[in-house]
Amino acid sequence: MMDGSAYIGPMMAGRVRAQHTYRGSTPLGLWDWIVESITGKDERLRPVVSSGQSGSVAVMEDGLPDANGVPDDDPWWAPAGVTLTEPVEPQRPVMQAEAVAMEGVLVSQFDSHDLSLPPMSEAAEKVIRSLGELNFDSARVAADIAEDQVIAAAVLRMANSAMYGGRSKITAIPLAMTRLGATALRTLMIHQSMRAAAFERSASDRDLSQLVWTRSLAGACVMRDLAVSTNADVEEAFMMGLLHDIGNVIVLREVQKQQAVLRYKIDIETFDYLCSECHQEFGELLADAWRLPARLKSLIVDHHATPAEDDPYRTERLMLQATDMVNAMVGYGPAASYDLLRARPIQQLGLADREDFVDALRELPGLVELTIASVSF
């Protein structure tokens, strides 16, 4: 298992059931289904985090009470002795000459003059443009999707996935579009373009690609879960979580090129530092190249600083900061430990004293793991 990944294992896999329900018209069925899977048969089963040499790894284990009726393990969101409440960025590690050279190349490309940005796929771009029209032509969108076999297959897989699937299997694009809806389709188009950009290069680079991609999906999952607690739009939150660190894809691509030139394999700690140093600048360039909405671009460009009280995207920035903190604790980011309920983003979102939020935290590592399994295609 590579650094930065998380594992729940067969203990969780055996608890998944095929039937789930939907909450209103919003496709929240996956969350109901997974929560039932985790809590329906044995309420003692809950996620905890163990620390290993390669960072925190999410696992599931029975938290049986001791003789006094008190669970003998600390909740993962409040590790014993931890008082950190502000998000932290990776510190600059001791870097070899080749890594310093990579850093210089990356910083020199902030003006994009020598930077090759990955294009959005032609089919995805056409679909997103059509979906932006007030009364779009469904038949034309279906035809555009069908032009790209990879995207067409992804649309069908998502429509039949645990997140959106019904009792009957869909094999036609128009029916899949109806099941997903315009917002989910738009998200999927960017999902596929980002995945293609991350995995564009050779199989020898797959570990770093998988690391970036899985972390992006984890961010999307946590943001979607936070949206339920903050009454935000769940599909928009999923998109924000998926794309807020999209600049990491550019860091990945440039590092992969330099590794081939320098005959040097970068370590995860150095890669994480380069991503933290460069991802917002590169994210802005890619947001422009892909013509992402102004709101999304603003969040990509600046999501680490404490937002001002009058910031129109204050809630979204706080949610992204909370997401990064959660991912750092459950194994989907550079490892860090926080007292999460006392953390500034959680406090400012008004979630710290809510029992329903604490209940959601108990299940969150399992939710992330199973959601990634549902939408990783």
Protein backbone atom coordinates (compact mmCIF):
# COMPACT_ATOMS: atom_id res chain seq x y z
CA MET A 1 0.00 0.00 0.00
CA MET A 2 1.49 3.31 -1.05
CA ASP A 3 1.96 6.26 1.28
CA GLY A 4 -1.12 8.45 1.63
CA SER A 5 -3.64 5.73 0.85
CA ALA A 6 -6.32 4.48 3.21
CA TYR A 7 -7.66 1.01 3.81
CA ILE A 8 -10.85 -0.23 5.38
CA GLY A 9 -10.61 -3.84 4.25
CA PRO A 10 -12.89 -6.86 4.15
CA MET A 11 -14.52 -5.99 7.46
CA MET A 12 -16.30 -3.16 5.66
CA ALA A 13 -16.78 -4.95 2.35
CA GLY A 14 -18.85 -7.65 4.02
CA ARG A 15 -21.30 -5.10 5.40
CA VAL A 16 -22.41 -3.52 2.09
CA ARG A 17 -26.00 -4.11 1.05
CA ALA A 18 -27.42 -3.61 -2.42
CA GLN A 19 -30.60 -1.78 -1.43
CA HIS A 20 -30.61 1.89 -0.55
CA THR A 21 -33.01 4.81 -0.58
CA TYR A 22 -33.05 8.38 -1.88
CA ARG A 23 -33.61 11.54 0.14
CA GLY A 24 -35.94 13.72 -1.90
CA SER A 25 -34.75 14.56 -5.43
CA THR A 26 -31.10 14.86 -4.42
CA PRO A 27 -29.03 11.70 -5.04
CA LEU A 28 -27.97 11.19 -1.46
CA GLY A 29 -28.80 7.51 -1.53
CA LEU A 30 -25.18 6.45 -1.24
CA TRP A 31 -24.83 8.13 2.14
CA ASP A 32 -27.98 6.49 3.53
CA TRP A 33 -26.89 3.17 2.09
CA ILE A 34 -23.35 3.32 3.48
CA VAL A 35 -24.45 4.56 6.92
CA GLU A 36 -26.92 1.67 7.09
CA SER A 37 -24.15 -0.68 6.01
CA ILE A 38 -21.88 0.54 8.79
CA THR A 39 -24.38 0.97 11.61
CA GLY A 40 -27.33 -1.24 10.77
CA LYS A 41 -26.11 -4.54 12.21
CA ASP A 42 -23.53 -3.64 14.82
CA GLU A 43 -23.39 -0.18 16.34
CA ARG A 44 -20.07 -0.99 18.00
CA LEU A 45 -18.31 -0.89 14.60
CA ARG A 46 -16.76 2.50 13.98
CA PRO A 47 -13.72 4.05 12.28
CA VAL A 48 -10.51 4.82 14.09
CA VAL A 49 -7.11 5.91 12.87
CA SER A 50 -3.84 4.21 13.55
CA SER A 51 -0.46 5.80 12.95
CA GLY A 52 2.29 3.95 11.14
CA GLN A 53 5.65 4.75 9.69
CA SER A 54 4.13 6.08 6.49
CA GLY A 55 1.50 8.28 8.16
CA SER A 56 -2.05 7.88 9.38
CA VAL A 57 -4.09 5.08 7.87
CA ALA A 58 -7.84 4.72 8.22
CA VAL A 59 -8.98 1.34 9.55
CA MET A 60 -12.15 -0.09 11.03
CA GLU A 61 -12.22 -2.00 14.29
CA ASP A 62 -14.64 -2.89 17.05
CA GLY A 63 -14.45 -0.28 19.81
CA LEU A 64 -15.52 -2.53 22.64
CA PRO A 65 -15.98 -0.77 25.99
CA ASP A 66 -13.71 -1.53 28.91
CA ALA A 67 -14.90 -2.73 32.32
CA ASN A 68 -16.17 0.76 33.16
CA GLY A 69 -18.28 0.95 30.00
CA VAL A 70 -15.94 3.46 28.34
CA PRO A 71 -14.43 2.70 24.90
CA ASP A 72 -10.72 2.03 25.29
CA ASP A 73 -9.69 3.94 22.14
CA ASP A 74 -9.71 7.65 21.43
CA PRO A 75 -11.96 8.97 18.66
CA TRP A 76 -9.96 9.59 15.49
CA TRP A 77 -11.04 13.24 15.34
CA ALA A 78 -9.60 13.95 18.82
CA PRO A 79 -6.29 12.08 19.20
CA ALA A 80 -4.96 12.01 22.76
CA GLY A 81 -2.60 14.86 23.54
CA VAL A 82 -3.17 16.68 20.24
CA THR A 83 -4.00 20.40 20.46
CA LEU A 84 -3.39 21.59 16.89
CA THR A 85 -6.40 23.57 15.61
CA GLU A 86 -5.07 25.45 12.56
CA PRO A 87 -4.43 23.79 9.17
CA VAL A 88 -0.72 23.23 8.55
CA GLU A 89 1.13 22.92 5.27
CA PRO A 90 3.97 20.45 4.61
CA GLN A 91 7.32 21.85 5.72
CA ARG A 92 10.22 22.07 3.29
CA PRO A 93 12.14 18.78 3.60
CA VAL A 94 15.85 18.25 3.06
CA MET A 95 15.94 18.09 -0.72
CA GLN A 96 18.48 16.51 -3.01
CA ALA A 97 19.93 18.52 -5.88
CA GLU A 98 17.54 16.93 -8.38
CA ALA A 99 14.53 17.90 -6.27
CA VAL A 100 15.79 21.47 -5.95
CA ALA A 101 16.13 21.57 -9.73
CA MET A 102 12.52 20.37 -10.06
CA GLU A 103 11.40 23.11 -7.69
CA GLY A 104 13.17 25.73 -9.78
CA VAL A 105 11.53 24.47 -12.97
CA LEU A 106 8.08 24.52 -11.38
CA VAL A 107 8.38 28.04 -9.99
CA SER A 108 9.73 29.33 -13.30
CA GLN A 109 6.56 28.11 -15.02
CA PHE A 110 4.10 30.14 -12.97
CA ASP A 111 3.78 32.49 -15.97
CA SER A 112 2.74 29.44 -18.09
CA HIS A 113 5.03 30.41 -21.01
CA ASP A 114 6.77 27.03 -21.06
CA LEU A 115 3.96 25.05 -19.49
CA SER A 116 1.94 22.45 -21.37
CA LEU A 117 -1.55 22.40 -19.86
CA PRO A 118 -3.65 19.27 -20.33
CA PRO A 119 -6.70 19.98 -22.48
CA MET A 120 -10.19 19.07 -21.44
CA SER A 121 -11.39 16.27 -23.66
CA GLU A 122 -13.29 17.50 -26.71
CA ALA A 123 -16.41 15.52 -25.86
CA ALA A 124 -16.41 16.74 -22.25
CA GLU A 125 -15.97 20.33 -23.34
CA LYS A 126 -18.91 20.10 -25.76
CA VAL A 127 -21.13 18.47 -23.16
CA ILE A 128 -20.31 21.08 -20.51
CA ARG A 129 -20.93 23.90 -22.97
CA SER A 130 -24.31 22.42 -23.94
CA LEU A 131 -25.34 21.83 -20.33
CA GLY A 132 -24.69 25.53 -19.66
CA GLU A 133 -27.49 26.51 -22.06
CA LEU A 134 -30.89 27.32 -20.58
CA ASN A 135 -32.76 24.80 -22.73
CA PHE A 136 -30.12 22.38 -23.90
CA ASP A 137 -30.77 19.73 -26.54
CA SER A 138 -30.64 16.37 -24.73
CA ALA A 139 -30.27 14.44 -27.97
CA ARG A 140 -27.23 16.51 -28.97
CA VAL A 141 -25.64 16.04 -25.52
CA ALA A 142 -26.21 12.27 -25.77
CA ALA A 143 -24.59 12.26 -29.22
CA ASP A 144 -21.59 14.22 -27.90
CA ILE A 145 -21.17 11.76 -25.04
CA ALA A 146 -21.39 8.81 -27.43
CA GLU A 147 -18.50 10.23 -29.50
CA ASP A 148 -16.04 9.39 -26.72
CA GLN A 149 -16.11 5.73 -25.72
CA VAL A 150 -14.32 6.35 -22.42
CA ILE A 151 -16.74 9.09 -21.38
CA ALA A 152 -19.78 7.13 -22.60
CA ALA A 153 -18.69 4.14 -20.53
CA ALA A 154 -18.13 6.39 -17.49
CA VAL A 155 -21.64 7.86 -17.82
CA LEU A 156 -23.19 4.39 -17.91
CA ARG A 157 -21.07 3.16 -15.01
CA MET A 158 -21.98 6.13 -12.83
CA ALA A 159 -25.67 5.82 -13.68
CA ASN A 160 -25.52 2.19 -12.56
CA SER A 161 -23.25 2.81 -9.56
CA ALA A 162 -24.24 2.67 -5.91
CA MET A 163 -24.52 6.45 -5.82
CA TYR A 164 -27.23 6.68 -8.50
CA GLY A 165 -28.23 3.15 -9.45
CA GLY A 166 -31.76 1.86 -9.36
CA ARG A 167 -33.17 -1.64 -9.59
CA SER A 168 -32.83 -1.84 -13.38
CA LYS A 169 -29.55 -1.61 -15.26
CA ILE A 170 -29.28 1.19 -17.80
CA THR A 171 -27.53 0.55 -21.12
CA ALA A 172 -28.56 3.65 -23.11
CA ILE A 173 -26.95 7.10 -22.81
CA PRO A 174 -30.23 9.11 -22.84
CA LEU A 175 -31.64 7.07 -19.94
CA ALA A 176 -28.35 7.42 -18.06
CA MET A 177 -28.51 11.20 -18.54
CA THR A 178 -32.02 11.28 -17.10
CA ARG A 179 -30.97 9.28 -14.05
CA LEU A 180 -27.89 11.44 -13.36
CA GLY A 181 -29.22 14.93 -14.11
CA ALA A 182 -27.35 17.91 -15.57
CA THR A 183 -25.31 18.81 -12.46
CA ALA A 184 -23.95 15.31 -11.98
CA LEU A 185 -23.20 15.03 -15.69
CA ARG A 186 -21.20 18.25 -15.58
CA THR A 187 -19.28 16.98 -12.57
CA LEU A 188 -18.57 13.69 -14.34
CA MET A 189 -17.21 15.45 -17.43
CA ILE A 190 -14.65 17.32 -15.34
CA HIS A 191 -14.03 14.17 -13.26
CA GLN A 192 -13.06 12.29 -16.45
CA SER A 193 -10.93 15.13 -17.82
CA MET A 194 -9.03 15.45 -14.57
CA ARG A 195 -8.50 11.70 -14.34
CA ALA A 196 -7.22 11.58 -17.92
CA ALA A 197 -4.77 14.40 -17.14
CA ALA A 198 -3.51 12.62 -14.02
CA PHE A 199 -3.00 9.26 -15.72
CA GLU A 200 -1.79 10.52 -19.09
CA ARG A 201 1.80 9.38 -18.66
CA SER A 202 3.46 5.98 -18.51
CA ALA A 203 2.54 3.15 -16.17
CA SER A 204 5.86 3.60 -14.36
CA ASP A 205 4.48 6.86 -12.95
CA ARG A 206 1.21 5.32 -11.78
CA ASP A 207 1.93 5.50 -8.05
CA LEU A 208 2.09 9.31 -7.99
CA SER A 209 -0.88 9.53 -10.36
CA GLN A 210 -2.93 7.25 -8.13
CA LEU A 211 -1.92 9.27 -5.07
CA VAL A 212 -3.10 12.57 -6.60
CA TRP A 213 -6.27 11.09 -8.00
CA THR A 214 -7.33 9.24 -4.85
CA ARG A 215 -6.72 12.31 -2.70
CA SER A 216 -8.88 14.37 -5.05
CA LEU A 217 -11.71 11.86 -4.78
CA ALA A 218 -11.35 11.79 -1.00
CA GLY A 219 -11.63 15.59 -0.92
CA ALA A 220 -14.79 15.37 -3.00
CA CYS A 221 -16.27 12.75 -0.66
CA VAL A 222 -15.55 14.71 2.51
CA MET A 223 -16.89 17.94 0.99
CA ARG A 224 -20.08 16.19 -0.02
CA ASP A 225 -20.50 14.89 3.52
CA LEU A 226 -19.83 18.35 4.98
CA ALA A 227 -22.45 19.77 2.63
CA VAL A 228 -25.10 17.69 4.39
CA SER A 229 -24.09 19.21 7.74
CA THR A 230 -23.95 22.78 6.38
CA ASN A 231 -27.04 22.58 4.12
CA ALA A 232 -24.90 23.28 1.05
CA ASP A 233 -25.53 21.81 -2.40
CA VAL A 234 -24.03 18.32 -2.33
CA GLU A 235 -23.14 18.11 -6.02
CA GLU A 236 -21.48 21.54 -6.01
CA ALA A 237 -19.58 20.57 -2.86
CA PHE A 238 -18.42 17.34 -4.51
CA MET A 239 -17.10 19.35 -7.47
CA MET A 240 -15.28 21.81 -5.18
CA GLY A 241 -13.65 19.01 -3.25
CA LEU A 242 -12.58 17.25 -6.42
CA LEU A 243 -11.05 20.32 -8.05
CA HIS A 244 -9.77 22.59 -5.28
CA ASP A 245 -6.28 21.06 -5.54
CA ILE A 246 -6.40 20.53 -9.31
CA GLY A 247 -3.06 22.32 -9.60
CA ASN A 248 -1.51 19.16 -8.15
CA VAL A 249 -2.15 17.54 -11.54
CA ILE A 250 0.19 20.06 -13.17
CA VAL A 251 2.82 19.50 -10.47
CA LEU A 252 2.45 15.77 -11.09
CA ARG A 253 2.90 16.07 -14.85
CA GLU A 254 5.92 18.36 -14.60
CA VAL A 255 7.56 16.23 -11.90
CA GLN A 256 7.05 13.14 -14.05
CA LYS A 257 8.75 14.86 -16.99
CA GLN A 258 11.67 15.98 -14.84
CA GLN A 259 12.05 12.54 -13.30
CA ALA A 260 12.61 11.13 -16.78
CA VAL A 261 15.12 13.85 -17.67
CA LEU A 262 17.06 13.72 -14.39
CA ARG A 263 16.75 9.94 -13.90
CA TYR A 264 15.57 10.62 -10.38
CA LYS A 265 12.53 9.33 -8.47
CA ILE A 266 11.04 11.87 -6.12
CA ASP A 267 9.93 10.85 -2.63
CA ILE A 268 6.38 11.46 -1.37
CA GLU A 269 7.44 14.01 1.25
CA THR A 270 9.15 16.19 -1.36
CA PHE A 271 6.27 15.77 -3.79
CA ASP A 272 3.80 16.89 -1.13
CA TYR A 273 5.90 19.96 -0.42
CA LEU A 274 6.11 20.90 -4.12
CA CYS A 275 2.35 20.48 -4.44
CA SER A 276 1.71 22.73 -1.44
CA GLU A 277 4.08 25.34 -2.85
CA CYS A 278 2.72 25.40 -6.40
CA HIS A 279 -0.80 24.01 -6.65
CA GLN A 280 -2.77 27.25 -6.31
CA GLU A 281 -0.78 29.03 -9.04
CA PHE A 282 -1.07 26.07 -11.40
CA GLY A 283 -4.71 25.59 -10.44
CA GLU A 284 -5.48 29.11 -11.60
CA LEU A 285 -3.86 28.42 -14.98
CA LEU A 286 -5.84 25.22 -15.44
CA ALA A 287 -9.09 26.85 -14.29
CA ASP A 288 -8.61 29.44 -17.03
CA ALA A 289 -7.68 26.83 -19.63
CA TRP A 290 -10.74 24.74 -18.82
CA ARG A 291 -12.96 27.84 -18.45
CA LEU A 292 -14.22 26.80 -15.04
CA PRO A 293 -16.85 29.00 -13.36
CA ALA A 294 -15.57 32.12 -11.59
CA ARG A 295 -16.73 30.84 -8.19
CA LEU A 296 -14.81 27.59 -8.60
CA LYS A 297 -11.72 29.40 -9.88
CA SER A 298 -11.75 31.70 -6.84
CA LEU A 299 -11.77 28.71 -4.51
CA ILE A 300 -8.98 26.97 -6.45
CA VAL A 301 -6.79 30.08 -6.38
CA ASP A 302 -7.20 30.81 -2.66
CA HIS A 303 -8.52 28.23 -0.23
CA HIS A 304 -5.86 28.14 2.49
CA ALA A 305 -6.05 31.64 3.99
CA THR A 306 -8.58 32.43 6.72
CA PRO A 307 -11.56 33.94 4.85
CA ALA A 308 -12.82 37.39 5.74
CA GLU A 309 -16.25 37.77 7.33
CA ASP A 310 -17.60 39.42 4.16
CA ASP A 311 -16.09 36.86 1.77
CA PRO A 312 -18.97 35.66 -0.45
CA TYR A 313 -17.39 32.19 -0.51
CA ARG A 314 -16.50 32.10 3.17
CA THR A 315 -18.46 28.92 3.93
CA GLU A 316 -16.97 27.08 0.97
CA ARG A 317 -13.40 28.07 1.94
CA LEU A 318 -13.97 26.93 5.52
CA MET A 319 -15.40 23.64 4.26
CA LEU A 320 -12.32 23.09 2.06
CA GLN A 321 -9.99 23.80 4.96
CA ALA A 322 -11.91 21.37 7.15
CA THR A 323 -11.77 18.82 4.33
CA ASP A 324 -7.98 19.07 4.08
CA MET A 325 -7.69 18.61 7.84
CA VAL A 326 -9.91 15.53 7.80
CA ASN A 327 -7.99 13.99 4.91
CA ALA A 328 -4.69 14.60 6.68
CA MET A 329 -6.01 12.65 9.66
CA VAL A 330 -7.54 9.68 7.83
CA GLY A 331 -4.71 8.97 5.41
CA TYR A 332 -5.64 10.84 2.23
CA GLY A 333 -3.16 13.69 2.51
CA PRO A 334 0.14 14.68 4.11
CA ALA A 335 -0.22 13.29 7.62
CA ALA A 336 -1.19 15.68 10.43
CA SER A 337 -3.21 15.37 13.64
CA TYR A 338 -5.74 17.94 14.84
CA ASP A 339 -8.20 18.44 17.65
CA LEU A 340 -10.87 18.66 14.98
CA LEU A 341 -13.83 19.91 17.01
CA ARG A 342 -11.70 22.79 18.33
CA ALA A 343 -10.25 23.57 14.90
CA ARG A 344 -10.97 27.05 13.58
CA PRO A 345 -12.77 25.97 10.36
CA ILE A 346 -15.08 23.60 12.26
CA GLN A 347 -15.74 26.24 14.94
CA GLN A 348 -16.50 28.93 12.35
CA LEU A 349 -18.82 26.60 10.45
CA GLY A 350 -20.80 26.17 13.68
CA LEU A 351 -20.36 22.38 13.71
CA ALA A 352 -18.30 21.83 16.86
CA ASP A 353 -21.20 21.47 19.29
CA ARG A 354 -23.55 19.54 17.03
CA GLU A 355 -24.13 15.91 17.98
CA ASP A 356 -25.22 15.03 14.45
CA PHE A 357 -21.85 16.22 13.15
CA VAL A 358 -19.98 14.12 15.70
CA ASP A 359 -22.11 11.15 14.67
CA ALA A 360 -21.14 11.83 11.05
CA LEU A 361 -17.45 11.95 12.00
CA ARG A 362 -17.70 8.46 13.47
CA GLU A 363 -18.59 7.06 10.08
CA LEU A 364 -16.60 9.41 7.84
CA PRO A 365 -13.49 7.28 7.12
CA GLY A 366 -15.74 4.40 6.05
CA LEU A 367 -17.88 6.74 3.95
CA VAL A 368 -14.82 8.01 2.11
CA GLU A 369 -13.50 4.52 1.46
CA LEU A 370 -16.77 3.16 0.12
CA THR A 371 -17.59 6.26 -1.91
CA ILE A 372 -14.22 6.14 -3.63
CA ALA A 373 -14.87 2.50 -4.45
CA SER A 374 -18.25 3.50 -5.91
CA VAL A 375 -17.06 6.32 -8.18
CA SER A 376 -13.45 5.35 -9.02
CA PHE A 377 -13.71 4.60 -12.72
